[in-house]
Amino acid sequence: MDDYAGRVLADRYRLPLPPSDGYELVETRAFDTYSGQEVLVRQVPLPEIVDAEVLDADGRAPVGGRTTGRAVRRSTDPA
């Protein structure tokens, strides 16, 4: 458990301390506090721009066409 003295991810996964050279981790081992097992955690890059439209209860676009507004999430915005 002392190997995983870094931060806790999603109140479940205990991560090791970051390496001293400071590069960003893409894949690392972590400790799953729920199951008590060692797991492999991967960083998955997400798109910065998301295009979405409102659907009605039947899953169709509303009458009147598609809206053209776009929302851009900055890296400082909460997920």
Protein backbone atom coordinates (compact mmCIF):
# COMPACT_ATOMS: atom_id res chain seq x y z
CA MET A 1 0.00 0.00 0.00
CA ASP A 2 2.96 2.34 0.61
CA ASP A 3 3.78 2.02 -3.10
CA TYR A 4 0.56 3.92 -3.82
CA ALA A 5 1.14 7.06 -1.74
CA GLY A 6 0.16 9.48 -4.53
CA ARG A 7 -3.25 10.95 -5.27
CA VAL A 8 -6.57 9.11 -5.24
CA LEU A 9 -8.53 8.99 -8.51
CA ALA A 10 -12.36 8.89 -8.40
CA ASP A 11 -12.32 8.07 -4.65
CA ARG A 12 -11.27 4.55 -5.59
CA TYR A 13 -7.85 4.18 -7.25
CA ARG A 14 -4.70 5.05 -5.33
CA LEU A 15 -1.94 6.13 -7.70
CA PRO A 16 1.80 5.97 -7.09
CA LEU A 17 3.80 9.12 -6.51
CA PRO A 18 4.58 10.88 -9.80
CA PRO A 19 8.05 10.22 -11.24
CA SER A 20 10.75 12.74 -10.45
CA ASP A 21 11.40 13.61 -14.11
CA GLY A 22 7.84 14.98 -14.39
CA TYR A 23 6.63 13.45 -17.63
CA GLU A 24 2.88 12.82 -18.00
CA LEU A 25 1.73 9.28 -17.33
CA VAL A 26 -0.34 7.60 -20.04
CA GLU A 27 -0.51 4.20 -18.37
CA THR A 28 0.32 3.26 -14.78
CA ARG A 29 -0.46 0.70 -12.11
CA ALA A 30 -2.88 1.70 -9.35
CA PHE A 31 -4.43 0.11 -6.27
CA ASP A 32 -8.21 -0.45 -6.41
CA THR A 33 -9.41 0.27 -2.87
CA TYR A 34 -12.79 -1.42 -3.53
CA SER A 35 -11.47 -4.81 -4.66
CA GLY A 36 -8.05 -4.69 -2.99
CA GLN A 37 -6.33 -5.57 -6.27
CA GLU A 38 -3.63 -3.92 -8.31
CA VAL A 39 -5.04 -2.60 -11.61
CA LEU A 40 -3.74 -0.89 -14.75
CA VAL A 41 -5.04 2.67 -15.31
CA ARG A 42 -4.85 4.31 -18.75
CA GLN A 43 -5.31 7.96 -19.66
CA VAL A 44 -7.79 8.34 -22.52
CA PRO A 45 -7.64 11.64 -24.44
CA LEU A 46 -11.06 13.18 -25.03
CA PRO A 47 -12.07 15.54 -27.84
CA GLU A 48 -12.00 19.25 -27.05
CA ILE A 49 -15.04 20.09 -29.21
CA VAL A 50 -18.35 18.28 -28.90
CA ASP A 51 -21.22 18.74 -31.35
CA ALA A 52 -24.65 17.83 -29.95
CA GLU A 53 -28.30 18.37 -30.77
CA VAL A 54 -31.51 18.00 -28.80
CA LEU A 55 -33.71 15.01 -29.63
CA ASP A 56 -37.37 14.52 -28.81
CA ALA A 57 -38.71 11.50 -26.92
CA ASP A 58 -38.73 9.39 -30.12
CA GLY A 59 -35.08 10.14 -30.85
CA ARG A 60 -35.76 12.52 -33.75
CA ALA A 61 -34.46 16.04 -34.24
CA PRO A 62 -37.07 18.72 -33.40
CA VAL A 63 -39.11 20.32 -36.19
CA GLY A 64 -37.43 23.43 -37.50
CA GLY A 65 -34.07 21.93 -38.33
CA ARG A 66 -30.79 21.64 -36.60
CA THR A 67 -29.23 24.35 -34.50
CA THR A 68 -25.76 25.49 -35.45
CA GLY A 69 -24.53 26.57 -32.01
CA ARG A 70 -21.39 24.86 -30.74
CA ALA A 71 -20.05 24.59 -27.25
CA VAL A 72 -16.31 24.52 -26.67
CA ARG A 73 -14.93 23.20 -23.40
CA ARG A 74 -11.68 24.69 -22.21
CA SER A 75 -9.12 22.63 -20.32
CA THR A 76 -9.86 24.69 -17.19
CA ASP A 77 -13.62 23.93 -17.26
CA PRO A 78 -14.88 21.19 -14.94
CA ALA A 79 -15.81 17.94 -16.63
